[in-house]
Structures are given as structure tokens and as C-alpha cells.
Amino acid sequence: MAVVAAALGAGAPRARAARATAAPALTVDRAREPFADRFPNVVLKTHAGKSVRFYDDLLKGKVVVINFMYASCKER
């Protein structure tokens, strides 16, 4: 019986499991998306004032290229 209790996580490992389950869980829909955990799903405003979600409305199911550019011009 003691071997079964140890295998099931009796004692200190049980406390560790309780901490692990306290982490926020993804919803079922977001958990099935391969990149849902890599991009925040924050609400953004478009140039027209419409509210959109970053991942759900702009990235999900689309091929997206994001380009970051930097230019430094010296004054004459």
C-alpha cells in the first residue's frame, strides 16, 4: 500500500502538484491553436477606430509577415 501511495504522489509531491495546477489554464479553443500561447490576444484599435483582437482577428488562420524597420538619419 505504501508503494502505491508513493507512486500516486503522496506527501511532498502532492504539494508540488497543487502549485502546478494553480497556473492559468487556456480555454479549449485557444489550447488547440499552435501559436495561441506565443502571441497576446490584446484588444487593439484600427485606424478607423474599430476594436480588434491581435491574435483572433489579425493572425489566426492567416499567413502574416511582420516587418520591423529602423532608420537613423543625420541632420545636415
Protein backbone atom coordinates (compact mmCIF):
# COMPACT_ATOMS: atom_id res chain seq x y z
CA MET A 1 0.00 0.00 0.00
CA ALA A 2 2.86 2.41 0.79
CA VAL A 3 4.37 1.80 -2.66
CA VAL A 4 1.06 2.68 -4.34
CA ALA A 5 0.74 5.85 -2.23
CA ALA A 6 4.28 6.90 -3.17
CA ALA A 7 3.58 6.24 -6.85
CA LEU A 8 0.41 8.33 -6.70
CA GLY A 9 2.30 11.30 -5.29
CA ALA A 10 1.61 11.15 -1.56
CA GLY A 11 3.38 13.63 0.69
CA ALA A 12 5.57 16.43 -0.69
CA PRO A 13 4.89 15.72 -4.39
CA ARG A 14 1.20 16.40 -3.76
CA ALA A 15 2.03 19.97 -2.70
CA ARG A 16 4.06 20.40 -5.89
CA ALA A 17 1.09 19.23 -7.96
CA ALA A 18 -1.20 21.73 -6.24
CA ARG A 19 1.11 24.58 -7.22
CA ALA A 20 1.30 23.35 -10.81
CA THR A 21 -2.48 23.35 -11.22
CA ALA A 22 -2.70 26.94 -9.94
CA ALA A 23 -1.29 28.24 -13.26
CA PRO A 24 -3.85 29.92 -15.55
CA ALA A 25 -5.39 27.48 -18.00
CA LEU A 26 -6.02 28.16 -21.67
CA THR A 27 -9.54 27.81 -22.95
CA VAL A 28 -10.17 24.76 -25.11
CA ASP A 29 -10.29 26.82 -28.32
CA ARG A 30 -7.03 28.68 -27.60
CA ALA A 31 -5.27 25.48 -26.43
CA ARG A 32 -5.83 23.82 -29.82
CA GLU A 33 -4.21 26.69 -31.71
CA PRO A 34 -0.48 26.02 -32.25
CA PHE A 35 0.61 29.65 -31.84
CA ALA A 36 -2.04 30.96 -29.43
CA ASP A 37 0.37 30.90 -26.50
CA ARG A 38 3.05 32.84 -28.41
CA PHE A 39 1.02 35.94 -29.25
CA PRO A 40 -1.03 38.05 -26.85
CA ASN A 41 -4.70 38.44 -27.68
CA VAL A 42 -4.93 42.07 -26.60
CA VAL A 43 -7.58 44.43 -27.93
CA LEU A 44 -6.22 46.98 -30.42
CA LYS A 45 -7.81 49.89 -32.29
CA THR A 46 -7.56 50.14 -36.07
CA HIS A 47 -7.03 53.42 -37.91
CA ALA A 48 -10.83 53.54 -38.33
CA GLY A 49 -11.44 53.15 -34.58
CA LYS A 50 -12.67 49.54 -34.76
CA SER A 51 -11.65 47.24 -31.87
CA VAL A 52 -9.88 44.03 -32.93
CA ARG A 53 -8.11 41.25 -31.05
CA PHE A 54 -4.45 40.85 -32.02
CA TYR A 55 -4.38 37.06 -32.34
CA ASP A 56 -8.02 36.11 -33.02
CA ASP A 57 -8.76 38.82 -35.60
CA LEU A 58 -5.39 39.64 -37.15
CA LEU A 59 -3.21 36.49 -37.01
CA LYS A 60 -5.31 33.34 -36.56
CA GLY A 61 -5.56 31.24 -39.72
CA LYS A 62 -3.57 33.69 -41.87
CA VAL A 63 -0.10 33.90 -43.31
CA VAL A 64 1.34 37.05 -41.76
CA VAL A 65 4.62 38.85 -42.39
CA ILE A 66 5.63 41.41 -39.79
CA ASN A 67 8.46 43.72 -40.75
CA PHE A 68 10.26 45.95 -38.27
CA MET A 69 12.35 48.75 -39.77
CA TYR A 70 14.64 51.30 -38.22
CA ALA A 71 16.22 54.27 -39.93
CA SER A 72 18.60 56.80 -38.50
CA CYS A 73 19.16 59.96 -40.49
CA LYS A 74 21.77 62.51 -39.53
CA GLU A 75 20.94 66.18 -39.65
CA ARG A 76 22.65 68.21 -42.36
